[in-house]
N, C-alpha and C. Protein backbone atom coordinates (compact mmCIF):
# COMPACT_ATOMS: atom_id res chain seq x y z
N UNK A 1 -0.84 26.58 -8.50
CA UNK A 1 -2.20 26.02 -8.85
C UNK A 1 -3.52 26.27 -7.86
N UNK A 2 -4.70 25.99 -8.52
CA UNK A 2 -5.37 26.50 -7.24
C UNK A 2 -6.67 25.45 -7.29
N UNK A 3 -7.34 25.42 -6.13
CA UNK A 3 -8.58 24.42 -5.57
C UNK A 3 -9.32 24.76 -7.31
N UNK A 4 -9.49 23.00 -6.99
CA UNK A 4 -10.84 23.06 -7.96
C UNK A 4 -12.36 22.94 -7.28
N UNK A 5 -13.16 23.19 -7.94
CA UNK A 5 -14.77 22.89 -7.37
C UNK A 5 -14.71 21.76 -8.55
N UNK A 6 -15.36 20.50 -7.01
CA UNK A 6 -15.89 19.45 -8.11
C UNK A 6 -17.23 19.20 -7.39
N UNK A 7 -17.60 18.29 -7.72
CA UNK A 7 -19.17 18.21 -8.17
C UNK A 7 -19.97 16.01 -7.97
N UNK A 8 -20.72 16.05 -7.38
CA UNK A 8 -21.10 14.54 -7.39
C UNK A 8 -20.76 13.74 -8.72
N UNK A 9 -20.91 14.12 -9.58
CA UNK A 9 -20.97 13.83 -11.23
C UNK A 9 -19.34 14.00 -11.59
N UNK A 10 -18.49 14.23 -10.87
CA UNK A 10 -17.48 14.67 -11.04
C UNK A 10 -16.36 14.06 -10.13
N UNK A 11 -16.76 13.57 -9.01
CA UNK A 11 -16.00 12.99 -7.90
C UNK A 11 -15.54 11.73 -8.05
N UNK A 12 -15.90 10.75 -8.75
CA UNK A 12 -14.83 9.74 -9.26
C UNK A 12 -13.94 10.16 -10.15
N UNK A 13 -14.19 10.83 -11.03
CA UNK A 13 -13.10 10.71 -12.08
C UNK A 13 -12.22 12.08 -11.33
N UNK A 14 -12.23 12.63 -10.55
CA UNK A 14 -11.48 13.90 -9.77
C UNK A 14 -10.81 13.55 -9.21
N UNK A 15 -11.18 12.57 -8.25
CA UNK A 15 -10.65 12.01 -6.97
C UNK A 15 -10.20 10.52 -6.92
N UNK A 16 -11.42 9.80 -6.70
CA UNK A 16 -11.12 8.33 -6.69
C UNK A 16 -9.78 8.05 -8.08
N UNK A 17 -9.74 8.30 -9.26
CA UNK A 17 -9.30 8.29 -10.73
C UNK A 17 -7.92 8.43 -10.84
N UNK A 18 -7.90 9.50 -9.67
CA UNK A 18 -6.46 10.53 -9.62
C UNK A 18 -5.03 9.77 -9.23
N UNK A 19 -4.08 9.92 -10.35
CA UNK A 19 -3.02 9.55 -9.97
C UNK A 19 -1.98 9.56 -8.81
N UNK A 20 -2.05 10.89 -8.35
CA UNK A 20 -1.61 11.15 -7.35
C UNK A 20 -2.61 11.56 -6.13
N UNK A 21 -2.02 11.75 -4.79
CA UNK A 21 -3.26 12.11 -3.86
C UNK A 21 -3.99 13.15 -4.02
N UNK A 22 -5.22 13.11 -3.00
CA UNK A 22 -5.78 14.44 -3.41
C UNK A 22 -6.39 14.58 -1.89
N UNK A 23 -6.63 16.10 -1.93
CA UNK A 23 -7.25 16.36 -0.29
C UNK A 23 -8.64 16.90 -0.54
N UNK A 24 -10.24 16.68 -0.49
CA UNK A 24 -10.89 17.31 -0.61
C UNK A 24 -10.98 17.96 0.76
N UNK A 25 -11.89 19.11 0.25
CA UNK A 25 -12.88 20.01 1.23
C UNK A 25 -14.46 19.79 1.33
N UNK A 26 -14.91 19.03 2.25
CA UNK A 26 -15.81 19.47 2.07
C UNK A 26 -16.73 20.81 2.77
N UNK A 27 -17.77 21.38 2.47
CA UNK A 27 -17.98 22.54 2.61
C UNK A 27 -19.35 23.12 2.19
N UNK A 28 -20.00 24.40 3.33
CA UNK A 28 -21.03 24.72 2.49
C UNK A 28 -20.93 26.28 2.65
N UNK A 29 -21.66 26.95 2.52
CA UNK A 29 -21.40 28.51 2.00
C UNK A 29 -22.16 28.95 3.37
N UNK A 30 -23.10 28.40 4.25
CA UNK A 30 -23.80 29.10 5.62
C UNK A 30 -22.09 28.46 6.42
N UNK A 31 -21.00 28.00 6.36
CA UNK A 31 -20.24 27.50 7.62
C UNK A 31 -19.42 28.45 7.68
N UNK A 32 -19.22 28.96 8.67
CA UNK A 32 -18.64 30.27 9.05
C UNK A 32 -16.85 29.64 9.26
N UNK A 33 -16.62 28.62 9.91
CA UNK A 33 -15.16 28.06 9.81
C UNK A 33 -14.63 27.46 8.46
N UNK A 34 -15.71 26.88 7.54
CA UNK A 34 -15.30 26.69 6.10
C UNK A 34 -15.11 28.18 5.20
N UNK A 35 -15.29 29.23 5.76
CA UNK A 35 -14.65 30.17 4.97
C UNK A 35 -13.61 31.08 5.40
N UNK A 36 -13.92 30.96 7.18
CA UNK A 36 -12.14 30.90 7.66
C UNK A 36 -10.91 30.12 6.95
N UNK A 37 -11.32 28.81 6.56
CA UNK A 37 -10.09 28.49 6.49
C UNK A 37 -9.64 28.16 4.66
N UNK A 38 -11.10 28.68 3.88
CA UNK A 38 -10.91 28.96 2.33
C UNK A 38 -9.38 29.45 1.72
N UNK A 39 -9.36 30.62 2.30
CA UNK A 39 -7.51 31.19 2.09
C UNK A 39 -6.39 30.24 2.21
N UNK A 40 -6.87 29.57 3.54
CA UNK A 40 -5.24 28.33 3.72
C UNK A 40 -5.82 27.47 3.06
N UNK A 41 -6.91 27.00 2.50
CA UNK A 41 -6.87 25.95 1.58
C UNK A 41 -6.11 25.99 0.39
N UNK A 42 -6.45 27.05 -0.26
CA UNK A 42 -6.06 28.00 -1.32
C UNK A 42 -4.32 28.16 -1.18
N UNK A 43 -3.84 28.62 0.27
CA UNK A 43 -2.58 28.60 -0.02
C UNK A 43 -1.68 27.26 -0.14
N UNK A 44 -2.67 26.10 0.12
CA UNK A 44 -2.23 24.96 0.32
C UNK A 44 -1.95 24.78 -0.79
N UNK A 45 -3.03 24.81 -1.76
CA UNK A 45 -3.36 24.20 -3.48
C UNK A 45 -2.06 25.32 -3.88
N UNK A 46 -1.51 26.21 -3.18
CA UNK A 46 -0.48 26.92 -4.36
C UNK A 46 0.97 26.37 -4.21
N UNK A 47 1.21 25.88 -2.54
CA UNK A 47 2.36 25.64 -2.33
C UNK A 47 3.04 24.16 -2.64
N UNK A 48 1.65 23.09 -2.52
CA UNK A 48 1.87 21.84 -2.53
C UNK A 48 1.10 21.47 -4.23
N UNK A 49 0.29 21.99 -4.86
CA UNK A 49 -0.38 21.77 -5.76
C UNK A 49 0.34 20.73 -6.46
N UNK A 50 1.80 20.71 -6.80
CA UNK A 50 2.37 20.03 -7.80
C UNK A 50 2.32 18.34 -7.42
N UNK A 51 2.44 18.09 -5.96
CA UNK A 51 2.59 17.19 -5.28
C UNK A 51 1.14 16.62 -4.99
N UNK A 52 0.30 16.87 -4.52
CA UNK A 52 -1.34 16.78 -4.36
C UNK A 52 -2.68 17.51 -5.13
N UNK A 53 -3.37 16.93 -5.33
CA UNK A 53 -4.25 17.92 -5.96
C UNK A 53 -5.37 18.18 -4.97
N UNK A 54 -5.73 19.44 -4.65
CA UNK A 54 -6.39 20.16 -3.56
C UNK A 54 -8.07 20.57 -4.63
N UNK A 55 -8.71 20.21 -4.15
CA UNK A 55 -10.42 20.28 -4.67
C UNK A 55 -11.40 20.10 -3.30
N UNK A 56 -12.66 20.70 -3.80
CA UNK A 56 -13.54 21.13 -2.93
C UNK A 56 -14.58 20.98 -3.22
N UNK A 57 -15.80 20.42 -2.28
CA UNK A 57 -16.94 19.91 -3.03
C UNK A 57 -17.89 20.52 -1.56
N UNK A 58 -18.78 21.21 -2.47
CA UNK A 58 -19.52 22.10 -1.47
C UNK A 58 -21.26 21.10 -1.25
N UNK A 59 -20.97 20.65 -0.24
CA UNK A 59 -22.13 19.54 0.36
C UNK A 59 -23.70 20.10 0.06
N UNK A 60 -24.03 21.14 0.01
CA UNK A 60 -25.81 21.59 -0.48
C UNK A 60 -26.30 21.30 -1.48
N UNK A 61 -24.91 21.70 -2.46
CA UNK A 61 -25.25 21.23 -3.87
C UNK A 61 -24.66 19.89 -4.50
N UNK A 62 -24.07 19.35 -3.56
CA UNK A 62 -23.63 17.51 -3.76
C UNK A 62 -23.78 16.87 -2.93
N UNK A 63 -25.18 16.72 -1.89
CA UNK A 63 -24.99 15.65 -1.14
C UNK A 63 -24.64 14.49 -1.16
N UNK A 64 -25.15 13.91 -2.36
CA UNK A 64 -24.83 12.55 -2.51
C UNK A 64 -23.03 11.70 -1.86
N UNK A 65 -22.13 12.79 -2.16
CA UNK A 65 -20.70 12.54 -1.88
C UNK A 65 -20.78 12.85 -0.52
N UNK A 66 -21.28 13.51 0.07
CA UNK A 66 -21.14 14.01 1.60
C UNK A 66 -21.68 12.71 2.03
N UNK A 67 -22.70 12.13 1.44
CA UNK A 67 -23.42 11.44 2.37
C UNK A 67 -22.87 10.10 2.30
N UNK A 68 -22.29 9.70 1.11
CA UNK A 68 -21.01 7.86 0.60
C UNK A 68 -20.16 8.34 1.48
N UNK A 69 -19.34 9.32 2.03
CA UNK A 69 -18.49 9.35 2.77
C UNK A 69 -18.73 9.68 4.03
N UNK A 70 -19.93 9.81 4.84
CA UNK A 70 -20.48 10.01 5.84
C UNK A 70 -19.90 11.07 6.69
N UNK A 71 -19.72 12.53 6.11
CA UNK A 71 -19.66 13.70 6.26
C UNK A 71 -20.74 14.15 7.30
N UNK A 72 -20.17 14.50 8.56
CA UNK A 72 -21.37 14.67 9.40
C UNK A 72 -21.05 16.24 10.03
N UNK A 73 -19.77 16.95 10.10
CA UNK A 73 -19.81 18.27 10.28
C UNK A 73 -18.91 18.58 9.36
N UNK A 74 -18.88 20.36 9.57
CA UNK A 74 -18.10 21.09 8.28
C UNK A 74 -17.36 21.95 9.00
N UNK A 75 -15.76 22.65 8.58
CA UNK A 75 -15.79 21.47 7.32
C UNK A 75 -14.93 20.38 7.54
N UNK A 76 -14.92 19.37 6.78
CA UNK A 76 -14.42 18.21 6.86
C UNK A 76 -13.18 17.84 5.82
N UNK A 77 -11.90 17.77 6.28
CA UNK A 77 -11.36 17.73 4.85
C UNK A 77 -11.09 15.80 5.19
N UNK A 78 -10.79 15.32 3.84
CA UNK A 78 -10.38 13.82 3.82
C UNK A 78 -8.91 13.78 2.69
N UNK A 79 -8.38 12.67 2.68
CA UNK A 79 -7.21 12.88 1.87
C UNK A 79 -7.44 11.35 1.49
N UNK A 80 -7.67 11.37 -0.06
CA UNK A 80 -7.60 9.85 -0.77
C UNK A 80 -6.04 9.52 -1.43
N UNK A 81 -5.87 8.40 -1.52
CA UNK A 81 -4.83 8.13 -2.32
C UNK A 81 -5.21 6.63 -2.77
N UNK A 82 -5.05 6.45 -4.00
CA UNK A 82 -5.43 5.00 -4.80
C UNK A 82 -6.69 4.97 -4.71
N UNK A 83 -7.88 6.06 -5.16
CA UNK A 83 -9.07 5.72 -4.46
C UNK A 83 -9.62 5.78 -3.04
N UNK A 84 -8.92 5.64 -2.33
CA UNK A 84 -9.06 5.24 -0.68
C UNK A 84 -9.22 6.88 0.53
N UNK A 85 -9.94 6.54 1.26
CA UNK A 85 -9.82 7.33 2.38
C UNK A 85 -8.51 6.89 2.95
N UNK A 86 -7.48 7.75 3.27
CA UNK A 86 -6.48 7.65 4.27
C UNK A 86 -6.44 8.67 5.38
N UNK A 87 -7.27 9.48 5.44
CA UNK A 87 -7.05 10.46 6.37
C UNK A 87 -8.08 11.19 6.22
N UNK A 88 -8.97 11.37 7.72
CA UNK A 88 -10.05 12.52 7.84
C UNK A 88 -9.53 13.58 8.92
N UNK A 89 -10.20 14.50 8.63
CA UNK A 89 -9.99 15.51 9.95
C UNK A 89 -11.63 16.56 9.80
N UNK A 90 -11.95 16.59 10.96
CA UNK A 90 -13.10 17.17 11.51
C UNK A 90 -12.73 18.64 11.99
N UNK A 91 -12.88 19.96 11.40
CA UNK A 91 -12.41 21.30 12.01
C UNK A 91 -11.85 21.89 11.33
N UNK A 92 -12.03 23.02 11.38
CA UNK A 92 -10.89 24.03 10.53
C UNK A 92 -9.10 23.72 11.49
N UNK A 93 -8.13 24.27 10.22
CA UNK A 93 -6.99 24.01 10.86
C UNK A 93 -6.44 25.43 10.38
N UNK A 94 -4.97 25.73 10.63
CA UNK A 94 -4.33 26.78 10.26
C UNK A 94 -3.81 25.86 9.15
N UNK A 95 -3.26 27.42 8.00
CA UNK A 95 -2.36 26.63 7.09
C UNK A 95 -1.35 25.52 7.65
N UNK A 96 -0.53 26.26 8.51
CA UNK A 96 0.48 25.18 8.83
C UNK A 96 0.00 23.95 9.09
N UNK A 97 -0.90 23.74 9.67
CA UNK A 97 -1.57 22.77 10.60
C UNK A 97 -1.75 21.58 9.10
N UNK A 98 -2.84 22.28 8.58
CA UNK A 98 -3.59 21.56 7.26
C UNK A 98 -1.58 20.81 6.54
N UNK A 99 -0.64 21.61 6.45
CA UNK A 99 0.40 20.93 5.84
C UNK A 99 1.51 20.20 6.30
N UNK A 100 1.39 20.21 7.78
CA UNK A 100 1.58 18.87 8.42
C UNK A 100 0.83 17.55 8.61
N UNK A 101 -0.49 18.26 8.63
CA UNK A 101 -1.61 16.96 8.86
C UNK A 101 -1.77 16.25 7.26
N UNK A 102 -1.31 16.65 6.13
CA UNK A 102 -0.99 16.16 5.20
C UNK A 102 -0.05 15.59 4.76
N UNK A 103 0.96 15.96 5.39
CA UNK A 103 2.57 15.10 5.13
C UNK A 103 2.47 14.44 6.01
N UNK A 104 1.59 14.34 7.44
CA UNK A 104 1.84 13.12 8.18
C UNK A 104 1.01 12.19 7.28
N UNK A 105 -0.27 12.34 6.92
CA UNK A 105 -1.30 11.60 6.27
C UNK A 105 -0.78 10.78 4.96
N UNK A 106 -0.14 11.77 4.49
CA UNK A 106 0.49 11.40 2.96
C UNK A 106 1.67 11.15 2.84
N UNK A 107 2.55 10.45 3.16
CA UNK A 107 3.98 10.77 3.18
C UNK A 107 4.33 10.95 1.77
N UNK A 108 4.01 10.52 0.77
CA UNK A 108 4.61 10.50 -0.58
C UNK A 108 4.49 12.23 -0.73
N UNK A 109 3.82 12.90 -0.22
CA UNK A 109 3.45 14.24 -0.25
C UNK A 109 4.71 15.29 0.30
N UNK A 110 5.35 14.83 1.49
CA UNK A 110 6.27 15.03 2.27
C UNK A 110 7.62 15.75 1.45
């Protein structure tokens, strides 16, 4: 499974209405750390894509969603379950740490 790009317009349907946990990567083209973790995020989607939905949203192109959820720094990762934010992480992570954080924050993924 691959990472899906979402938008302000599709956020509610793609994330809040999802029947499985969703991990969202809030990123921007100019963000160096965002580019560094991009490969890790893709690998996470490949590894856990059947248990969790993996999406990313460019905050420059979609500022409403970033503002709605108080994104202040990049990259910001959020886990949503049943329409609610259950965990937030600011900053880059290794793929191993990303998987650990996801499993800690969304036990249904473990």
